[in-house]
Each structure stands twice: as C-alpha cells, then as structure tokens.
Amino acid sequence: MTEPAQARLLTPAFVALSLSDLAYFTAAGMLLAATPLFASGPLGAGEAGVGLAMGSFSITTLLLRPWVGRWTDLHGRKGMLVGGAAAFAVVTLGHLVVDSLAALVALRLLLGAAEAMFFVAGFAALADLAPPERAGEALSLNSLSLYLGIAAGPLLGQALLRGGGFELVWVGAVALAAAAATLALRIPETRAEPDEDAGPTPLVHPAAVVPGFALFCGVAAMSGFLAFAVLHARAIGIDRWSGVLLVFGATVVVCRIAFAKLPDRTGPARLAGTALVVTAAGLLLVGTLRTPAGLLVGTLVLAGGVAFITPAIFAAVFASVPATERGSAAATTSVFIDLGLGLGPLLLGGLAAISSIPTAFLVAAVLPVVGGAAMGLRGNPRVQARPVA
C-alpha cells in the first residue's frame, strides 16, 4: 500500500536538512577535538585558558538562542540555516590567522552565535517538515546526524592534524561548513504565515519551560556521567576505557534507528518521563555495581534512556505550540540543553570531590527522576496547528 503523500517523511527537503546537519556537526566535532590542543599547544595556554576558550562558545549560544527563535518565527528558517552554516565557515577560516588566546576566544564567541542560528532554525524547520503524526520519528532519525557528526568529527580532525597540522583541520572544517550551507540552500522555506494580528513570539516560550527543565535534568545527568565515566572505568580496572563511551554512543544510535517511531506510538510526554526514569536506573546501577560488568550494564541502561529523552521532549513541545511559534519553542527548549551540558559535569565534579565518583553517580540519579516527575505532572497538552497560508 502506498504511503499517503501527506504522511511522507523522507522527502528531499528532510534528507537535505539531515545531510546539512551531518556536515555541520562533523565540522563542529573537528573543532571540539582540535581547539583544546591548539590552545594548549601553539598558543601556550594553560588549563584555565583552554577552559575559557571552550566555554566562551556557550556564552553567545545561550544569549542568542531566544532571539534567533523569535527571528525565525517572524522571518523564516532558511535564512538562519544558511547564514549560520556560512558564518561557521567564515569564522573557522579565521583560525588560520589566530596568534593569541584572546583572538581564539573572540572567534569562539562568534562560533557560538553561528551555532545558535543553525541549531534553532534547524529544529524549527525539522518540526515544520515532519508530518504531525511522525514528529518523534523525524526527530529521532535527524538527531543521528548530530551524534554521527560529533563522533566522526574528532576522528577526521585527528587524521587531518597528523597529515597537515592545524591549518588542514581548519580548512577541512570550513569545507564541511560550506557544504552544510550549500545543502541548506536546497531546503524550501518552511515557516507558516504568522497571524497578522498576533504580536512577536515570546523570547522564553512558556510551553517549553517544563519540558525544557526535564530535558535539563536528563542532559545534566548524561553529561556528568560522560565527564567521569573514563575515570571511573580506569579506577575499577577497565584498561580499554574508550569501550565504555563506544557502548554508550552505539546504544543511543541503535535505539534511535530501531525505535524511531516509538515517540509517536506511545505519546512523547509519556515516553520522555519513562526515558528519564530509565536514565536514573542506569546511573544507580553504575554507582552501585562498582565492577566492570556493572559499569557496562549500567551504561547500556543509561544510554537506552538517553536515546529517547531529546526526541520525545522536543516532539512533546512541538505538539503543544502553533506552527508559527516553533522557532521560539525550539530556542527555549535548546537553552536547557546548554545548561545541562555545562552544569552536569560541574555538579558531579563537586559531588565527587566531597565523596567519590560512584557516590556522585548515585546522587545524580535524582535529577532525571525529578525531570520525569515534571513531565508526568505536565501531561500531554496539544494544540491544533494553524493552517499554512
């Protein structure tokens, strides 16, 4: 039986968006691996300088996401998609002439602005392109581009660094970002026509606050685990500690491919709550079973929960806002990702400093439980999408 045209997911625009994401996040992964080495090597920065360079990226990302969300709702997604990728390429090209830590920090601030543009517009466009009944599936499949890019980027960056130094890394990342911008040009404008009588969309969308908080809880727990998983693996006698991260990443990818339709079949809010509880269970296993087998089993369970948190929560958010407010909702929700990525390692680091890493995992398990409870109390609010003119 032929799939109805209105329910089709793998359209040329969806494929172009996913490939653009893959190119962009591979370039971002290359910089993620190379920038600390560049700061501490040629620029001679110490640990504090490396931290400043890496952390400065998040400052402009956090500040600009809400404004980008409003802009995309008023003026469209495509301009921010193409502009964000193109800006990333131009700023990365500037690395070729960087000769001080201050210059590198300035470029990292600009890269954060490019990231805000591309990421928010991309999520809004994805929600526009996906059939309403397949939004969770679309988010699951598209998010593979991010994971694969972040995984492949460091490997490619290392190979280019060995072959031609940092200059070749920067040029390679520029080429990928330019490819992302070119692919984004193939995506039609997806924004629904706004209501002429309606004011600008909110900078902080109220419908995204509770789901965003739940997402923060899950991302903070995940990022804290990833920050200390290697140290914990070595402490309990795992020599090939990279295998823990491989198990985590592979499990997320497999789950998102094999169960891409799960958010749409079970209800995104319900799945998000369940996934957060499963994430907590994984942390409890890692913290309680302080053996190599316990770490691997706990990592499998943790990754199984993490695999569904982001697609389910974004699907729940998009189901509860009009099509004309998806940019604002995507921006508000994604701010909580940044907060989780930044605060999670800090929280677990503080807990580990006053106790131990396994104890920090046990205490951190409370976070996703709180997030799951928040999603349960929120329920499944939905709105009827406004017709596209």
Protein backbone atom coordinates (compact mmCIF):
# COMPACT_ATOMS: atom_id res chain seq x y z
CA MET A 1 0.00 0.00 0.00
CA THR A 2 1.38 3.40 -0.98
CA GLU A 3 2.15 5.75 1.89
CA PRO A 4 -0.09 8.83 1.84
CA ALA A 5 1.68 11.87 0.44
CA GLN A 6 0.85 13.99 3.46
CA ALA A 7 2.44 11.38 5.80
CA ARG A 8 5.68 11.09 3.84
CA LEU A 9 8.76 11.74 5.97
CA LEU A 10 11.81 11.07 3.78
CA THR A 11 11.26 13.98 1.42
CA PRO A 12 14.12 15.66 -0.47
CA ALA A 13 13.92 18.57 1.97
CA PHE A 14 14.17 16.28 5.01
CA VAL A 15 17.15 14.46 3.51
CA ALA A 16 18.85 17.75 2.61
CA LEU A 17 18.34 19.02 6.17
CA SER A 18 19.73 15.84 7.69
CA LEU A 19 22.79 15.88 5.40
CA SER A 20 23.34 19.56 6.16
CA ASP A 21 23.21 18.74 9.87
CA LEU A 22 25.69 15.90 9.38
CA ALA A 23 28.18 18.14 7.57
CA TYR A 24 27.78 20.94 10.11
CA PHE A 25 28.13 18.79 13.23
CA THR A 26 31.09 16.90 11.76
CA ALA A 27 32.82 20.26 11.37
CA ALA A 28 31.82 21.15 14.93
CA GLY A 29 33.21 17.82 16.15
CA MET A 30 36.53 18.55 14.45
CA LEU A 31 36.81 21.87 16.30
CA LEU A 32 35.71 20.27 19.56
CA ALA A 33 38.73 17.97 19.42
CA ALA A 34 41.28 20.32 17.87
CA THR A 35 40.62 23.57 19.76
CA PRO A 36 41.93 22.42 23.18
CA LEU A 37 45.09 21.11 21.50
CA PHE A 38 45.52 24.35 19.57
CA ALA A 39 45.03 26.49 22.69
CA SER A 40 47.43 24.48 24.83
CA GLY A 41 49.97 23.88 22.04
CA PRO A 42 50.70 26.71 19.59
CA LEU A 43 49.04 29.34 21.77
CA GLY A 44 50.66 28.12 25.01
CA ALA A 45 47.52 28.43 27.13
CA GLY A 46 47.20 26.59 30.43
CA GLU A 47 44.20 24.65 31.68
CA ALA A 48 42.35 27.84 32.64
CA GLY A 49 42.93 29.29 29.18
CA VAL A 50 41.71 26.13 27.48
CA GLY A 51 38.61 26.19 29.65
CA LEU A 52 38.00 29.84 28.80
CA ALA A 53 38.31 29.18 25.07
CA MET A 54 35.99 26.19 25.15
CA GLY A 55 33.44 27.72 27.50
CA SER A 56 33.19 31.08 25.71
CA PHE A 57 31.35 29.30 22.89
CA SER A 58 28.35 28.68 25.15
CA ILE A 59 28.01 32.31 26.24
CA THR A 60 26.78 33.66 22.91
CA THR A 61 24.85 30.46 22.22
CA LEU A 62 22.83 30.84 25.40
CA LEU A 63 22.28 34.57 24.95
CA LEU A 64 21.24 34.44 21.31
CA ARG A 65 19.04 31.33 21.11
CA PRO A 66 15.85 33.11 22.26
CA TRP A 67 16.36 35.99 19.84
CA VAL A 68 17.08 33.59 16.98
CA GLY A 69 13.91 31.68 17.82
CA ARG A 70 11.82 34.83 17.58
CA TRP A 71 13.53 35.87 14.34
CA THR A 72 12.86 32.53 12.66
CA ASP A 73 9.18 32.73 13.60
CA LEU A 74 8.91 36.22 12.13
CA HIS A 75 11.16 35.93 9.06
CA GLY A 76 11.71 32.26 8.33
CA ARG A 77 14.05 29.33 8.96
CA LYS A 78 16.08 29.14 5.76
CA GLY A 79 18.00 32.39 6.20
CA MET A 80 19.22 31.39 9.65
CA LEU A 81 20.11 27.88 8.48
CA VAL A 82 22.19 29.05 5.54
CA GLY A 83 23.56 32.05 7.43
CA GLY A 84 24.53 30.01 10.48
CA ALA A 85 26.46 27.44 8.45
CA ALA A 86 28.09 30.13 6.30
CA ALA A 87 29.07 32.14 9.39
CA PHE A 88 30.58 29.00 10.93
CA ALA A 89 32.68 28.53 7.78
CA VAL A 90 33.91 32.15 7.73
CA VAL A 91 34.74 32.24 11.45
CA THR A 92 36.56 28.90 11.24
CA LEU A 93 38.61 30.26 8.36
CA GLY A 94 39.71 33.00 10.74
CA HIS A 95 41.54 30.36 12.82
CA LEU A 96 44.25 30.43 10.17
CA VAL A 97 45.45 33.83 11.44
CA VAL A 98 44.88 33.40 15.19
CA ASP A 99 48.05 34.01 17.21
CA SER A 100 46.73 34.65 20.72
CA LEU A 101 44.29 33.24 23.23
CA ALA A 102 42.26 36.47 23.14
CA ALA A 103 41.75 36.13 19.39
CA LEU A 104 40.73 32.49 19.79
CA VAL A 105 38.19 33.40 22.48
CA ALA A 106 36.75 36.10 20.20
CA LEU A 107 36.33 33.55 17.40
CA ARG A 108 34.74 31.06 19.79
CA LEU A 109 32.19 33.70 20.80
CA LEU A 110 31.34 34.22 17.12
CA LEU A 111 31.10 30.45 16.57
CA GLY A 112 28.57 30.33 19.42
CA ALA A 113 26.44 32.85 17.54
CA ALA A 114 26.62 30.74 14.37
CA GLU A 115 25.65 27.66 16.40
CA ALA A 116 22.59 29.42 17.83
CA MET A 117 21.44 30.35 14.33
CA PHE A 118 21.91 26.95 12.75
CA PHE A 119 20.68 24.79 15.63
CA VAL A 120 17.45 26.66 16.41
CA ALA A 121 16.48 27.18 12.78
CA GLY A 122 17.24 23.53 12.03
CA PHE A 123 14.99 22.21 14.77
CA ALA A 124 12.17 24.55 13.75
CA ALA A 125 12.48 23.53 10.10
CA LEU A 126 12.53 19.87 11.08
CA ALA A 127 9.28 20.27 13.01
CA ASP A 128 7.75 22.04 10.00
CA LEU A 129 8.82 19.30 7.58
CA ALA A 130 7.71 16.33 9.68
CA PRO A 131 4.12 15.06 9.42
CA PRO A 132 2.46 15.71 12.81
CA GLU A 133 1.92 12.01 13.42
CA ARG A 134 5.61 11.28 12.72
CA ALA A 135 7.30 14.16 14.54
CA GLY A 136 9.01 11.89 17.07
CA GLU A 137 10.31 9.63 14.33
CA ALA A 138 11.65 12.63 12.43
CA LEU A 139 13.46 13.93 15.49
CA SER A 140 14.94 10.51 16.25
CA LEU A 141 16.28 9.99 12.73
CA ASN A 142 17.50 13.53 12.20
CA SER A 143 19.34 13.58 15.55
CA LEU A 144 21.58 10.80 14.26
CA SER A 145 23.29 13.47 12.16
CA LEU A 146 24.36 15.25 15.33
CA TYR A 147 25.61 12.10 17.05
CA LEU A 148 27.40 10.78 13.98
CA GLY A 149 28.94 14.18 13.30
CA ILE A 150 30.22 14.62 16.84
CA ALA A 151 31.59 11.05 16.76
CA ALA A 152 33.22 11.28 13.32
CA GLY A 153 34.47 14.86 13.61
CA PRO A 154 37.22 14.19 16.17
CA LEU A 155 38.44 11.17 14.20
CA LEU A 156 38.61 13.20 11.00
CA GLY A 157 40.21 16.10 12.84
CA GLN A 158 42.90 13.88 14.29
CA ALA A 159 43.68 12.43 10.87
CA LEU A 160 43.95 15.88 9.29
CA LEU A 161 46.06 17.15 12.19
CA ARG A 162 48.55 14.34 11.66
CA GLY A 163 48.57 14.88 7.91
CA GLY A 164 48.88 18.66 7.71
CA GLY A 165 48.72 20.33 11.10
CA PHE A 166 46.07 22.66 12.46
CA GLU A 167 45.81 24.56 9.17
CA LEU A 168 44.47 21.46 7.45
CA VAL A 169 41.97 20.89 10.27
CA TRP A 170 40.61 24.44 9.91
CA VAL A 171 40.37 24.14 6.12
CA GLY A 172 38.59 20.78 6.41
CA ALA A 173 36.07 22.19 8.87
CA VAL A 174 35.50 25.19 6.57
CA ALA A 175 34.77 22.85 3.65
CA LEU A 176 32.25 20.87 5.69
CA ALA A 177 30.50 24.01 6.96
CA ALA A 178 30.33 25.35 3.41
CA ALA A 179 28.79 22.04 2.33
CA ALA A 180 26.24 22.42 5.14
CA ALA A 181 25.30 25.89 3.87
CA THR A 182 25.03 24.62 0.29
CA LEU A 183 22.76 21.77 1.33
CA ALA A 184 20.64 24.17 3.38
CA LEU A 185 20.01 26.17 0.20
CA ARG A 186 18.09 23.15 -1.11
CA ILE A 187 15.61 23.32 1.77
CA PRO A 188 12.49 25.36 0.99
CA GLU A 189 11.24 27.96 3.43
CA THR A 190 9.01 26.06 5.86
CA ARG A 191 7.69 28.82 8.13
CA ALA A 192 3.93 29.08 8.42
CA GLU A 193 2.49 32.52 7.72
CA PRO A 194 2.10 34.34 11.05
CA ASP A 195 -1.16 35.83 12.23
CA GLU A 196 -1.03 39.50 11.27
CA ASP A 197 -2.83 40.44 14.50
CA ALA A 198 -0.52 38.41 16.71
CA GLY A 199 2.47 40.02 18.38
CA PRO A 200 6.03 38.66 18.30
CA THR A 201 6.54 35.22 19.72
CA PRO A 202 7.87 35.12 23.30
CA LEU A 203 11.60 35.04 23.88
CA VAL A 204 11.01 32.37 26.54
CA HIS A 205 8.12 30.20 25.40
CA PRO A 206 6.01 29.10 28.40
CA ALA A 207 5.05 25.80 26.77
CA ALA A 208 8.73 24.81 26.64
CA VAL A 209 9.74 25.65 30.20
CA VAL A 210 8.63 22.46 31.98
CA PRO A 211 9.78 20.10 29.18
CA GLY A 212 12.99 22.12 28.96
CA PHE A 213 13.58 21.66 32.69
CA ALA A 214 13.03 17.90 32.28
CA LEU A 215 15.47 17.92 29.37
CA PHE A 216 17.99 19.77 31.52
CA CYS A 217 17.71 17.07 34.18
CA GLY A 218 18.40 14.32 31.65
CA VAL A 219 21.20 16.12 29.83
CA ALA A 220 22.91 17.13 33.09
CA ALA A 221 22.88 13.51 34.28
CA MET A 222 24.20 12.30 30.92
CA SER A 223 26.94 14.91 30.59
CA GLY A 224 28.05 14.32 34.17
CA PHE A 225 28.29 10.61 33.51
CA LEU A 226 30.28 11.12 30.30
CA ALA A 227 32.66 13.52 32.05
CA PHE A 228 33.60 10.95 34.71
CA ALA A 229 32.93 7.59 33.03
CA VAL A 230 36.53 7.22 31.86
CA LEU A 231 37.98 7.98 35.29
CA HIS A 232 35.57 5.52 36.89
CA ALA A 233 36.39 2.86 34.29
CA ARG A 234 40.10 3.15 34.97
CA ALA A 235 39.55 3.07 38.74
CA ILE A 236 37.69 -0.25 38.55
CA GLY A 237 40.25 -1.88 36.27
CA ILE A 238 39.00 -1.35 32.71
CA ASP A 239 42.09 -0.81 30.57
CA ARG A 240 40.18 -0.17 27.34
CA TRP A 241 38.15 2.64 28.86
CA SER A 242 37.17 4.04 25.47
CA GLY A 243 34.92 0.99 25.12
CA VAL A 244 32.55 2.48 27.70
CA LEU A 245 31.96 5.54 25.54
CA LEU A 246 31.63 3.34 22.47
CA VAL A 247 28.93 1.26 24.20
CA PHE A 248 27.10 4.44 25.17
CA GLY A 249 27.20 6.01 21.71
CA ALA A 250 26.40 2.80 19.83
CA THR A 251 23.42 2.09 22.08
CA VAL A 252 21.97 5.56 21.50
CA VAL A 253 22.35 5.27 17.74
CA VAL A 254 20.88 1.75 17.55
CA CYS A 255 17.91 2.70 19.74
CA ARG A 256 17.13 5.79 17.72
CA ILE A 257 17.18 3.82 14.47
CA ALA A 258 15.36 0.70 15.69
CA PHE A 259 12.73 2.55 17.74
CA ALA A 260 12.42 5.79 15.80
CA LYS A 261 8.61 5.54 15.74
CA LEU A 262 8.24 4.93 19.47
CA PRO A 263 7.61 8.58 20.48
CA ASP A 264 4.66 8.78 18.07
CA ARG A 265 3.19 5.43 19.11
CA THR A 266 3.40 5.83 22.88
CA GLY A 267 2.99 9.59 23.26
CA PRO A 268 6.07 11.81 23.54
CA ALA A 269 5.43 13.13 27.07
CA ARG A 270 4.89 9.63 28.46
CA LEU A 271 7.97 8.30 26.69
CA ALA A 272 10.08 11.23 27.95
CA GLY A 273 9.07 10.52 31.53
CA THR A 274 9.84 6.83 31.16
CA ALA A 275 13.18 7.52 29.46
CA LEU A 276 14.23 9.80 32.29
CA VAL A 277 13.44 7.13 34.87
CA VAL A 278 15.44 4.56 32.84
CA THR A 279 18.33 7.03 32.75
CA ALA A 280 18.21 7.27 36.54
CA ALA A 281 18.20 3.47 36.79
CA GLY A 282 21.36 3.33 34.68
CA LEU A 283 23.14 5.76 36.99
CA LEU A 284 22.03 3.77 40.03
CA LEU A 285 23.46 0.59 38.50
CA VAL A 286 26.78 2.28 37.70
CA GLY A 287 27.05 3.76 41.17
CA THR A 288 26.01 0.58 42.98
CA LEU A 289 27.70 -2.17 40.95
CA ARG A 290 31.29 -0.95 41.09
CA THR A 291 32.68 -3.59 38.75
CA PRO A 292 33.49 -3.65 35.01
CA ALA A 293 30.33 -5.66 34.32
CA GLY A 294 28.27 -3.28 36.42
CA LEU A 295 29.61 -0.27 34.55
CA LEU A 296 28.86 -1.80 31.15
CA VAL A 297 25.34 -2.91 32.12
CA GLY A 298 24.62 0.45 33.71
CA THR A 299 25.93 2.24 30.62
CA LEU A 300 23.63 0.19 28.39
CA VAL A 301 20.61 1.06 30.54
CA LEU A 302 21.60 4.72 30.82
CA ALA A 303 22.10 5.04 27.06
CA GLY A 304 18.79 3.29 26.44
CA GLY A 305 17.06 6.05 28.40
CA VAL A 306 19.10 8.90 26.95
CA ALA A 307 18.29 7.75 23.40
CA PHE A 308 14.66 8.84 23.75
CA ILE A 309 14.82 11.90 26.00
CA THR A 310 15.60 14.59 23.44
CA PRO A 311 13.35 13.36 20.58
CA ALA A 312 10.44 12.76 22.94
CA ILE A 313 10.70 16.11 24.70
CA PHE A 314 11.04 18.13 21.51
CA ALA A 315 8.12 16.22 20.00
CA ALA A 316 6.05 16.98 23.11
CA VAL A 317 6.94 20.67 22.88
CA PHE A 318 6.14 20.96 19.17
CA ALA A 319 2.82 19.19 19.71
CA SER A 320 1.78 21.86 22.20
CA VAL A 321 2.61 25.03 20.23
CA PRO A 322 1.27 26.50 16.98
CA ALA A 323 3.41 26.11 13.89
CA THR A 324 4.07 29.86 13.93
CA GLU A 325 5.79 29.58 17.34
CA ARG A 326 8.11 26.62 16.71
CA GLY A 327 11.22 28.78 16.48
CA SER A 328 10.60 30.30 19.90
CA ALA A 329 9.76 26.90 21.38
CA ALA A 330 12.86 25.28 19.87
CA ALA A 331 15.06 28.08 21.18
CA THR A 332 13.68 27.89 24.71
CA THR A 333 13.97 24.12 24.85
CA SER A 334 17.51 24.04 23.44
CA VAL A 335 18.72 26.56 26.04
CA PHE A 336 18.17 23.84 28.63
CA ILE A 337 20.49 21.54 26.65
CA ASP A 338 23.29 24.08 27.00
CA LEU A 339 22.60 24.46 30.71
CA GLY A 340 22.65 20.69 31.20
CA LEU A 341 25.86 20.21 29.26
CA GLY A 342 27.57 22.94 31.24
CA LEU A 343 26.25 22.31 34.75
CA GLY A 344 26.17 18.49 34.72
CA PRO A 345 29.94 17.96 34.89
CA LEU A 346 30.28 20.77 37.43
CA LEU A 347 27.64 19.18 39.66
CA LEU A 348 29.13 15.70 39.51
CA GLY A 349 32.61 17.08 39.93
CA GLY A 350 31.59 18.81 43.14
CA LEU A 351 29.87 15.69 44.44
CA ALA A 352 32.86 13.51 43.56
CA ALA A 353 35.23 15.92 45.29
CA ILE A 354 33.43 15.55 48.64
CA SER A 355 32.68 11.83 48.30
CA SER A 356 33.58 9.61 45.32
CA ILE A 357 32.68 9.23 41.65
CA PRO A 358 30.32 6.26 42.24
CA THR A 359 28.55 8.20 45.01
CA ALA A 360 28.24 11.17 42.68
CA PHE A 361 26.52 8.91 40.13
CA LEU A 362 24.08 7.73 42.81
CA VAL A 363 23.18 11.26 43.89
CA ALA A 364 22.94 12.48 40.29
CA ALA A 365 20.30 9.80 39.62
CA VAL A 366 17.86 12.05 41.46
CA LEU A 367 18.00 14.58 38.60
CA PRO A 368 16.28 12.51 35.88
CA VAL A 369 13.72 11.26 38.41
CA VAL A 370 12.77 14.88 39.13
CA GLY A 371 12.62 15.57 35.40
CA GLY A 372 10.39 12.54 34.83
CA ALA A 373 8.04 13.70 37.58
CA ALA A 374 7.83 17.14 35.96
CA MET A 375 6.83 15.60 32.63
CA GLY A 376 4.26 13.42 34.37
CA LEU A 377 2.65 16.42 36.05
CA ARG A 378 2.63 18.35 32.77
CA GLY A 379 0.70 15.71 30.87
CA ASN A 380 0.15 15.85 27.09
CA PRO A 381 -1.15 19.30 26.12
CA ARG A 382 -1.73 19.66 22.39
CA VAL A 383 -2.83 22.40 20.04
CA GLN A 384 -4.27 22.28 16.57
CA ALA A 385 -1.66 23.55 14.17
CA ARG A 386 -2.69 26.71 12.37
CA PRO A 387 -3.19 26.27 8.65
CA VAL A 388 -0.30 27.25 6.43
CA ALA A 389 -1.25 30.02 4.03
